[in-house]
Amino acid sequence: MQLCQDCGANPATVHLTRIVNETALVSHLCEECSRKKGLSITGSSISITREGPAQQEMQEKDNVCPRCQLSFAEFKSKGRLGCCDCYRHFEKDIDSLLMQVHGSTVHKGKPYRHSGPYKLDEKAMERLKNELNEAIEKEEFELAALIRDTIHSFDTQNARETLDQAR
């Protein structure tokens, strides 16, 4: 296995051939080093950015949410968005950032369970009850049992919390 020419630590997964003055120059880079050089790898496509870090930082400062005036550069430094419109305005930039950090824009792991019990609002509970009725009508009894148990667990948790608050 070939190692990255820049860092020498990671396996080279990006092989770039550049022609300069009729001479082929081959670079073997890991994903991290290729990103630092301005190569963005997503699936089977590669895009090359010709701007340097200074130009990219200027563009990030110019990219501002129209509602709260938060720049993308500020978001990257703080790690928090300013308002709900930021999600839509910075969507492509956030997807690109997630690709760089995690290698995907889709969550593939287990849900986080340490944040305490999850509460359902009335609309969500009504949606579950409708799904339960549909599963029963379609005679999908295993699915219906799972939905029933889910509803029951949330009803039990909400009842406990109500009793604890009353005490």
N, C-alpha and C. Protein backbone atom coordinates (compact mmCIF):
# COMPACT_ATOMS: atom_id res chain seq x y z
N MET A 1 0.85 -1.17 0.00
CA MET A 1 0.00 0.00 0.00
C MET A 1 0.89 1.24 0.00
N GLN A 2 0.56 2.20 -0.85
CA GLN A 2 1.35 3.40 -0.99
C GLN A 2 0.90 4.46 0.02
N LEU A 3 1.86 5.15 0.64
CA LEU A 3 1.55 6.20 1.61
C LEU A 3 1.48 7.55 0.92
N CYS A 4 0.79 8.48 1.57
CA CYS A 4 0.63 9.85 1.08
C CYS A 4 2.00 10.51 0.95
N GLN A 5 2.22 11.22 -0.17
CA GLN A 5 3.49 11.91 -0.39
C GLN A 5 3.66 13.12 0.51
N ASP A 6 2.55 13.73 0.97
CA ASP A 6 2.65 14.93 1.80
C ASP A 6 2.88 14.60 3.26
N CYS A 7 1.97 13.82 3.85
CA CYS A 7 2.06 13.55 5.29
C CYS A 7 2.86 12.29 5.59
N GLY A 8 2.91 11.35 4.67
CA GLY A 8 3.66 10.12 4.86
C GLY A 8 3.07 9.16 5.88
N ALA A 9 1.88 9.49 6.42
CA ALA A 9 1.28 8.66 7.46
C ALA A 9 0.08 7.86 6.97
N ASN A 10 -0.76 8.48 6.17
CA ASN A 10 -2.01 7.86 5.73
C ASN A 10 -1.83 7.20 4.37
N PRO A 11 -2.68 6.19 4.07
CA PRO A 11 -2.61 5.57 2.76
C PRO A 11 -3.06 6.54 1.66
N ALA A 12 -2.38 6.50 0.53
CA ALA A 12 -2.72 7.36 -0.59
C ALA A 12 -3.95 6.81 -1.29
N THR A 13 -5.03 7.57 -1.29
CA THR A 13 -6.26 7.15 -1.95
C THR A 13 -6.60 8.04 -3.14
N VAL A 14 -5.89 9.16 -3.27
CA VAL A 14 -6.10 10.09 -4.39
C VAL A 14 -4.82 10.11 -5.21
N HIS A 15 -4.96 9.79 -6.47
CA HIS A 15 -3.80 9.75 -7.37
C HIS A 15 -4.06 10.78 -8.46
N LEU A 16 -3.31 11.87 -8.42
CA LEU A 16 -3.52 13.01 -9.30
C LEU A 16 -2.38 13.09 -10.29
N THR A 17 -2.73 13.16 -11.58
CA THR A 17 -1.72 13.32 -12.63
C THR A 17 -1.90 14.70 -13.24
N ARG A 18 -0.84 15.50 -13.18
CA ARG A 18 -0.85 16.85 -13.76
C ARG A 18 0.18 16.88 -14.89
N ILE A 19 -0.18 17.56 -15.97
CA ILE A 19 0.75 17.71 -17.08
C ILE A 19 1.28 19.14 -17.02
N VAL A 20 2.59 19.27 -16.81
CA VAL A 20 3.24 20.58 -16.75
C VAL A 20 4.39 20.56 -17.74
N ASN A 21 4.34 21.50 -18.72
CA ASN A 21 5.38 21.58 -19.75
C ASN A 21 5.64 20.22 -20.40
N GLU A 22 4.56 19.56 -20.78
CA GLU A 22 4.60 18.26 -21.46
C GLU A 22 5.25 17.16 -20.62
N THR A 23 5.28 17.34 -19.31
CA THR A 23 5.80 16.33 -18.40
C THR A 23 4.70 15.94 -17.43
N ALA A 24 4.49 14.64 -17.25
CA ALA A 24 3.45 14.16 -16.34
C ALA A 24 4.00 14.12 -14.92
N LEU A 25 3.32 14.83 -14.02
CA LEU A 25 3.68 14.83 -12.61
C LEU A 25 2.57 14.11 -11.85
N VAL A 26 2.92 13.04 -11.16
CA VAL A 26 1.93 12.23 -10.45
C VAL A 26 2.05 12.49 -8.96
N SER A 27 0.92 12.76 -8.31
CA SER A 27 0.88 12.96 -6.86
C SER A 27 0.01 11.87 -6.25
N HIS A 28 0.47 11.31 -5.14
CA HIS A 28 -0.28 10.29 -4.42
C HIS A 28 -0.58 10.88 -3.04
N LEU A 29 -1.86 11.16 -2.78
CA LEU A 29 -2.25 11.86 -1.56
C LEU A 29 -3.31 11.09 -0.79
N CYS A 30 -3.37 11.34 0.52
CA CYS A 30 -4.49 10.83 1.31
C CYS A 30 -5.63 11.83 1.15
N GLU A 31 -6.82 11.48 1.62
CA GLU A 31 -7.97 12.36 1.47
C GLU A 31 -7.77 13.69 2.17
N GLU A 32 -7.19 13.66 3.38
CA GLU A 32 -7.00 14.89 4.15
C GLU A 32 -6.06 15.86 3.44
N CYS A 33 -4.95 15.36 2.96
CA CYS A 33 -3.99 16.22 2.27
C CYS A 33 -4.55 16.73 0.94
N SER A 34 -5.35 15.90 0.26
CA SER A 34 -5.94 16.35 -1.00
C SER A 34 -6.94 17.48 -0.75
N ARG A 35 -7.68 17.42 0.37
CA ARG A 35 -8.60 18.50 0.71
C ARG A 35 -7.84 19.79 0.99
N LYS A 36 -6.70 19.68 1.67
CA LYS A 36 -5.89 20.86 1.98
C LYS A 36 -5.38 21.52 0.70
N LYS A 37 -5.19 20.72 -0.34
CA LYS A 37 -4.73 21.26 -1.62
C LYS A 37 -5.87 21.78 -2.48
N GLY A 38 -7.11 21.66 -1.99
CA GLY A 38 -8.24 22.18 -2.75
C GLY A 38 -8.97 21.16 -3.58
N LEU A 39 -8.70 19.87 -3.37
CA LEU A 39 -9.41 18.81 -4.07
C LEU A 39 -10.54 18.32 -3.20
N SER A 40 -11.74 18.32 -3.73
CA SER A 40 -12.90 17.84 -2.98
C SER A 40 -13.36 16.53 -3.60
N ILE A 41 -13.34 15.46 -2.83
CA ILE A 41 -13.69 14.14 -3.33
C ILE A 41 -15.03 13.73 -2.78
N THR A 42 -16.02 13.53 -3.66
CA THR A 42 -17.34 13.08 -3.23
C THR A 42 -17.75 11.93 -4.12
N GLY A 43 -17.82 10.74 -3.54
CA GLY A 43 -18.22 9.56 -4.32
C GLY A 43 -17.21 9.31 -5.42
N SER A 44 -17.66 9.37 -6.67
CA SER A 44 -16.76 9.11 -7.79
C SER A 44 -16.35 10.39 -8.50
N SER A 45 -16.77 11.56 -8.00
CA SER A 45 -16.43 12.81 -8.67
C SER A 45 -15.39 13.58 -7.88
N ILE A 46 -14.58 14.32 -8.60
CA ILE A 46 -13.54 15.14 -7.98
C ILE A 46 -13.70 16.55 -8.50
N SER A 47 -13.70 17.52 -7.59
CA SER A 47 -13.72 18.91 -8.02
C SER A 47 -12.46 19.59 -7.51
N ILE A 48 -11.95 20.50 -8.31
CA ILE A 48 -10.72 21.19 -7.96
C ILE A 48 -11.04 22.66 -7.75
N THR A 49 -10.61 23.18 -6.62
CA THR A 49 -10.76 24.60 -6.35
C THR A 49 -9.40 25.25 -6.54
N ARG A 50 -9.37 26.33 -7.28
CA ARG A 50 -8.10 26.97 -7.59
C ARG A 50 -7.76 28.07 -6.60
N GLU A 51 -8.67 28.40 -5.73
CA GLU A 51 -8.39 29.49 -4.81
C GLU A 51 -7.60 28.99 -3.62
N GLY A 52 -6.81 29.86 -3.07
CA GLY A 52 -6.02 29.53 -1.89
C GLY A 52 -6.84 29.74 -0.64
N PRO A 53 -6.26 29.45 0.52
CA PRO A 53 -6.97 29.61 1.79
C PRO A 53 -7.44 31.05 2.03
N ALA A 54 -6.65 32.04 1.61
CA ALA A 54 -7.02 33.44 1.84
C ALA A 54 -8.27 33.80 1.03
N GLN A 55 -8.31 33.38 -0.24
CA GLN A 55 -9.48 33.66 -1.07
C GLN A 55 -10.71 32.95 -0.53
N GLN A 56 -10.54 31.71 -0.10
CA GLN A 56 -11.66 30.94 0.44
C GLN A 56 -12.20 31.61 1.70
N GLU A 57 -11.32 32.10 2.58
CA GLU A 57 -11.75 32.78 3.80
C GLU A 57 -12.52 34.06 3.47
N MET A 58 -12.08 34.80 2.44
CA MET A 58 -12.79 36.02 2.03
C MET A 58 -14.19 35.68 1.53
N GLN A 59 -14.31 34.59 0.75
CA GLN A 59 -15.62 34.20 0.25
C GLN A 59 -16.52 33.78 1.41
N GLU A 60 -15.97 33.10 2.42
CA GLU A 60 -16.77 32.68 3.56
C GLU A 60 -17.26 33.88 4.35
N LYS A 61 -16.45 34.94 4.44
CA LYS A 61 -16.87 36.16 5.14
C LYS A 61 -17.95 36.90 4.36
N ASP A 62 -17.88 36.81 3.01
CA ASP A 62 -18.89 37.46 2.17
C ASP A 62 -20.20 36.69 2.14
N ASN A 63 -20.17 35.40 2.43
CA ASN A 63 -21.37 34.57 2.42
C ASN A 63 -22.09 34.78 3.76
N VAL A 64 -23.15 35.60 3.75
CA VAL A 64 -23.82 36.02 4.98
C VAL A 64 -25.30 35.64 4.93
N CYS A 65 -25.82 35.15 6.04
CA CYS A 65 -27.25 34.83 6.15
C CYS A 65 -28.04 36.13 6.05
N PRO A 66 -29.05 36.19 5.18
CA PRO A 66 -29.82 37.42 5.02
C PRO A 66 -30.65 37.80 6.25
N ARG A 67 -30.96 36.85 7.10
CA ARG A 67 -31.81 37.14 8.26
C ARG A 67 -31.01 37.62 9.47
N CYS A 68 -29.97 36.88 9.86
CA CYS A 68 -29.25 37.22 11.10
C CYS A 68 -27.87 37.81 10.86
N GLN A 69 -27.46 37.89 9.58
CA GLN A 69 -26.17 38.47 9.19
C GLN A 69 -24.96 37.67 9.68
N LEU A 70 -25.13 36.40 10.02
CA LEU A 70 -24.01 35.54 10.41
C LEU A 70 -23.27 35.11 9.15
N SER A 71 -21.96 35.25 9.14
CA SER A 71 -21.18 34.78 7.98
C SER A 71 -20.82 33.32 8.18
N PHE A 72 -20.52 32.66 7.06
CA PHE A 72 -20.14 31.25 7.14
C PHE A 72 -18.83 31.11 7.90
N ALA A 73 -17.94 32.08 7.77
CA ALA A 73 -16.67 32.05 8.50
C ALA A 73 -16.93 32.10 10.01
N GLU A 74 -17.89 32.93 10.44
CA GLU A 74 -18.25 32.99 11.86
C GLU A 74 -18.83 31.66 12.33
N PHE A 75 -19.68 31.05 11.49
CA PHE A 75 -20.25 29.75 11.84
C PHE A 75 -19.15 28.72 12.05
N LYS A 76 -18.17 28.69 11.14
CA LYS A 76 -17.08 27.72 11.27
C LYS A 76 -16.26 27.95 12.54
N SER A 77 -16.09 29.20 12.93
CA SER A 77 -15.28 29.46 14.13
C SER A 77 -16.07 29.20 15.40
N LYS A 78 -17.37 29.55 15.41
CA LYS A 78 -18.20 29.36 16.61
C LYS A 78 -18.79 27.96 16.71
N GLY A 79 -19.09 27.36 15.56
CA GLY A 79 -19.71 26.04 15.56
C GLY A 79 -21.21 26.09 15.78
N ARG A 80 -21.81 27.28 15.70
CA ARG A 80 -23.26 27.43 15.90
C ARG A 80 -23.84 28.34 14.83
N LEU A 81 -25.02 27.97 14.37
CA LEU A 81 -25.73 28.81 13.41
C LEU A 81 -26.52 29.88 14.16
N GLY A 82 -26.85 30.96 13.46
CA GLY A 82 -27.51 32.08 14.12
C GLY A 82 -29.02 32.00 14.15
N CYS A 83 -29.63 31.42 13.11
CA CYS A 83 -31.09 31.35 13.05
C CYS A 83 -31.51 30.17 12.18
N CYS A 84 -32.82 29.96 12.06
CA CYS A 84 -33.32 28.83 11.28
C CYS A 84 -33.04 29.01 9.78
N ASP A 85 -32.93 30.24 9.29
CA ASP A 85 -32.65 30.47 7.88
C ASP A 85 -31.21 30.12 7.50
N CYS A 86 -30.32 30.12 8.49
CA CYS A 86 -28.91 29.75 8.23
C CYS A 86 -28.82 28.36 7.64
N TYR A 87 -29.67 27.44 8.10
CA TYR A 87 -29.64 26.07 7.60
C TYR A 87 -29.87 26.04 6.10
N ARG A 88 -30.84 26.82 5.63
CA ARG A 88 -31.14 26.85 4.20
C ARG A 88 -30.06 27.61 3.43
N HIS A 89 -29.63 28.75 3.99
CA HIS A 89 -28.68 29.60 3.29
C HIS A 89 -27.31 28.93 3.14
N PHE A 90 -26.85 28.25 4.18
CA PHE A 90 -25.53 27.62 4.16
C PHE A 90 -25.59 26.12 3.83
N GLU A 91 -26.71 25.65 3.31
CA GLU A 91 -26.92 24.21 3.10
C GLU A 91 -25.78 23.54 2.33
N LYS A 92 -25.40 24.10 1.19
CA LYS A 92 -24.35 23.48 0.37
C LYS A 92 -23.01 23.52 1.10
N ASP A 93 -22.73 24.64 1.78
CA ASP A 93 -21.46 24.77 2.51
C ASP A 93 -21.40 23.78 3.68
N ILE A 94 -22.53 23.61 4.37
CA ILE A 94 -22.58 22.68 5.50
C ILE A 94 -22.41 21.25 5.00
N ASP A 95 -23.07 20.91 3.88
CA ASP A 95 -22.91 19.57 3.30
C ASP A 95 -21.46 19.32 2.93
N SER A 96 -20.82 20.31 2.33
CA SER A 96 -19.41 20.18 1.96
C SER A 96 -18.54 20.00 3.20
N LEU A 97 -18.84 20.75 4.25
CA LEU A 97 -18.10 20.65 5.50
C LEU A 97 -18.29 19.27 6.14
N LEU A 98 -19.52 18.76 6.13
CA LEU A 98 -19.79 17.43 6.67
C LEU A 98 -19.06 16.35 5.87
N MET A 99 -18.99 16.51 4.56
CA MET A 99 -18.26 15.55 3.73
C MET A 99 -16.78 15.55 4.12
N GLN A 100 -16.23 16.75 4.36
CA GLN A 100 -14.81 16.84 4.73
C GLN A 100 -14.56 16.21 6.09
N VAL A 101 -15.45 16.46 7.04
CA VAL A 101 -15.23 16.00 8.41
C VAL A 101 -15.59 14.52 8.57
N HIS A 102 -16.76 14.11 8.07
CA HIS A 102 -17.26 12.77 8.33
C HIS A 102 -17.22 11.83 7.12
N GLY A 103 -16.99 12.38 5.94
CA GLY A 103 -16.97 11.55 4.74
C GLY A 103 -18.36 11.22 4.23
N SER A 104 -19.40 11.82 4.83
CA SER A 104 -20.78 11.57 4.42
C SER A 104 -21.65 12.70 4.95
N THR A 105 -22.79 12.90 4.30
CA THR A 105 -23.75 13.88 4.80
C THR A 105 -24.96 13.20 5.43
N VAL A 106 -24.90 11.86 5.51
CA VAL A 106 -26.00 11.08 6.06
C VAL A 106 -25.54 10.38 7.33
N HIS A 107 -26.34 10.45 8.38
CA HIS A 107 -26.00 9.78 9.64
C HIS A 107 -26.15 8.28 9.45
N LYS A 108 -25.11 7.53 9.82
CA LYS A 108 -25.13 6.08 9.64
C LYS A 108 -24.97 5.33 10.95
N GLY A 109 -24.87 6.03 12.05
CA GLY A 109 -24.63 5.38 13.33
C GLY A 109 -25.89 5.19 14.13
N LYS A 110 -25.69 4.80 15.38
CA LYS A 110 -26.81 4.60 16.29
C LYS A 110 -27.29 5.95 16.81
N PRO A 111 -28.57 6.05 17.16
CA PRO A 111 -29.05 7.31 17.73
C PRO A 111 -28.46 7.53 19.11
N TYR A 112 -28.28 8.77 19.47
CA TYR A 112 -27.74 9.13 20.77
C TYR A 112 -28.82 8.90 21.83
N ARG A 113 -28.52 8.12 22.85
CA ARG A 113 -29.53 7.72 23.83
C ARG A 113 -29.30 8.32 25.22
N HIS A 114 -28.25 9.09 25.42
CA HIS A 114 -27.91 9.56 26.75
C HIS A 114 -28.51 10.92 27.10
N SER A 115 -29.37 11.43 26.26
CA SER A 115 -29.90 12.76 26.51
C SER A 115 -31.18 12.72 27.34
N GLY A 116 -31.55 11.59 27.87
CA GLY A 116 -32.77 11.48 28.67
C GLY A 116 -33.93 11.00 27.82
N PRO A 117 -35.07 10.84 28.43
CA PRO A 117 -36.22 10.31 27.69
C PRO A 117 -36.70 11.28 26.62
N TYR A 118 -37.13 10.72 25.52
CA TYR A 118 -37.65 11.51 24.41
C TYR A 118 -39.15 11.68 24.59
N LYS A 119 -39.62 12.91 24.48
CA LYS A 119 -41.05 13.17 24.64
C LYS A 119 -41.69 13.37 23.27
N LEU A 120 -42.87 12.82 23.11
CA LEU A 120 -43.62 13.02 21.88
C LEU A 120 -44.65 14.12 22.09
N ASP A 121 -44.77 14.98 21.10
CA ASP A 121 -45.84 15.97 21.18
C ASP A 121 -47.14 15.33 20.69
N GLU A 122 -48.22 16.07 20.77
CA GLU A 122 -49.53 15.51 20.41
C GLU A 122 -49.60 15.10 18.94
N LYS A 123 -48.99 15.90 18.06
CA LYS A 123 -49.02 15.57 16.63
C LYS A 123 -48.28 14.26 16.36
N ALA A 124 -47.13 14.09 16.99
CA ALA A 124 -46.35 12.86 16.78
C ALA A 124 -47.10 11.65 17.32
N MET A 125 -47.75 11.80 18.47
CA MET A 125 -48.51 10.70 19.05
C MET A 125 -49.70 10.36 18.13
N GLU A 126 -50.34 11.38 17.60
CA GLU A 126 -51.47 11.17 16.69
C GLU A 126 -51.00 10.45 15.43
N ARG A 127 -49.82 10.82 14.92
CA ARG A 127 -49.25 10.19 13.74
C ARG A 127 -48.99 8.71 14.02
N LEU A 128 -48.44 8.41 15.20
CA LEU A 128 -48.20 7.00 15.55
C LEU A 128 -49.49 6.20 15.63
N LYS A 129 -50.52 6.80 16.20
CA LYS A 129 -51.81 6.11 16.30
C LYS A 129 -52.40 5.85 14.91
N ASN A 130 -52.24 6.82 14.01
CA ASN A 130 -52.71 6.61 12.63
C ASN A 130 -51.94 5.49 11.95
N GLU A 131 -50.62 5.45 12.17
CA GLU A 131 -49.80 4.38 11.60
C GLU A 131 -50.21 3.02 12.18
N LEU A 132 -50.57 3.01 13.45
CA LEU A 132 -51.03 1.77 14.09
C LEU A 132 -52.31 1.29 13.42
N ASN A 133 -53.27 2.18 13.22
CA ASN A 133 -54.53 1.81 12.57
C ASN A 133 -54.30 1.31 11.14
N GLU A 134 -53.39 1.97 10.40
CA GLU A 134 -53.09 1.54 9.04
C GLU A 134 -52.46 0.14 9.03
N ALA A 135 -51.55 -0.11 9.97
CA ALA A 135 -50.90 -1.42 10.04
C ALA A 135 -51.92 -2.51 10.35
N ILE A 136 -52.88 -2.20 11.24
CA ILE A 136 -53.92 -3.18 11.58
C ILE A 136 -54.80 -3.44 10.36
N GLU A 137 -55.19 -2.38 9.64
CA GLU A 137 -56.02 -2.54 8.45
C GLU A 137 -55.32 -3.38 7.39
N LYS A 138 -54.01 -3.20 7.24
CA LYS A 138 -53.25 -3.96 6.25
C LYS A 138 -52.84 -5.34 6.77
N GLU A 139 -53.25 -5.64 7.99
CA GLU A 139 -52.94 -6.90 8.64
C GLU A 139 -51.44 -7.13 8.78
N GLU A 140 -50.71 -6.05 9.02
CA GLU A 140 -49.28 -6.11 9.32
C GLU A 140 -49.14 -6.09 10.84
N PHE A 141 -49.42 -7.25 11.44
CA PHE A 141 -49.56 -7.31 12.89
C PHE A 141 -48.23 -7.15 13.65
N GLU A 142 -47.12 -7.58 13.05
CA GLU A 142 -45.83 -7.39 13.72
C GLU A 142 -45.49 -5.91 13.81
N LEU A 143 -45.73 -5.19 12.71
CA LEU A 143 -45.51 -3.75 12.71
C LEU A 143 -46.45 -3.06 13.68
N ALA A 144 -47.70 -3.51 13.69
CA ALA A 144 -48.70 -2.93 14.59
C ALA A 144 -48.28 -3.13 16.05
N ALA A 145 -47.74 -4.29 16.37
CA ALA A 145 -47.29 -4.56 17.74
C ALA A 145 -46.14 -3.64 18.13
N LEU A 146 -45.21 -3.41 17.20
CA LEU A 146 -44.09 -2.50 17.48
C LEU A 146 -44.58 -1.08 17.73
N ILE A 147 -45.50 -0.63 16.89
CA ILE A 147 -46.04 0.73 17.05
C ILE A 147 -46.81 0.83 18.36
N ARG A 148 -47.61 -0.20 18.68
CA ARG A 148 -48.36 -0.22 19.92
C ARG A 148 -47.42 -0.12 21.13
N ASP A 149 -46.33 -0.90 21.10
CA ASP A 149 -45.37 -0.88 22.20
C ASP A 149 -44.69 0.48 22.31
N THR A 150 -44.41 1.10 21.17
CA THR A 150 -43.79 2.43 21.18
C THR A 150 -44.73 3.44 21.82
N ILE A 151 -46.00 3.41 21.40
CA ILE A 151 -46.99 4.33 21.98
C ILE A 151 -47.10 4.09 23.48
N HIS A 152 -47.16 2.82 23.88
CA HIS A 152 -47.30 2.48 25.29
C HIS A 152 -46.10 2.98 26.11
N SER A 153 -44.89 2.82 25.56
CA SER A 153 -43.71 3.26 26.31
C SER A 153 -43.71 4.77 26.50
N PHE A 154 -44.13 5.52 25.50
CA PHE A 154 -44.19 6.97 25.64
C PHE A 154 -45.32 7.38 26.58
N ASP A 155 -46.47 6.69 26.51
CA ASP A 155 -47.57 6.98 27.44
C ASP A 155 -47.15 6.71 28.87
N THR A 156 -46.45 5.60 29.10
CA THR A 156 -45.99 5.25 30.45
C THR A 156 -45.00 6.28 30.97
N GLN A 157 -44.05 6.69 30.11
CA GLN A 157 -43.04 7.68 30.50
C GLN A 157 -43.71 9.02 30.83
N ASN A 158 -44.65 9.44 29.99
CA ASN A 158 -45.34 10.71 30.23
C ASN A 158 -46.16 10.64 31.52
N ALA A 159 -46.78 9.48 31.79
CA ALA A 159 -47.57 9.32 33.02
C ALA A 159 -46.67 9.41 34.24
N ARG A 160 -45.50 8.79 34.18
CA ARG A 160 -44.55 8.86 35.31
C ARG A 160 -44.11 10.30 35.56
N GLU A 161 -43.80 11.01 34.49
CA GLU A 161 -43.36 12.40 34.65
C GLU A 161 -44.48 13.27 35.23
N THR A 162 -45.71 13.02 34.80
CA THR A 162 -46.85 13.78 35.32
C THR A 162 -47.02 13.52 36.82
N LEU A 163 -46.90 12.24 37.21
CA LEU A 163 -47.01 11.90 38.65
C LEU A 163 -45.87 12.54 39.44
N ASP A 164 -44.65 12.49 38.90
CA ASP A 164 -43.51 13.09 39.61
C ASP A 164 -43.69 14.59 39.77
N GLN A 165 -44.24 15.24 38.76
CA GLN A 165 -44.44 16.68 38.85
C GLN A 165 -45.55 17.01 39.86
N ALA A 166 -46.56 16.14 39.96
CA ALA A 166 -47.67 16.37 40.88
C ALA A 166 -47.24 16.21 42.33
N ARG A 167 -46.22 15.41 42.58
CA ARG A 167 -45.77 15.15 43.95
C ARG A 167 -45.01 16.29 44.45
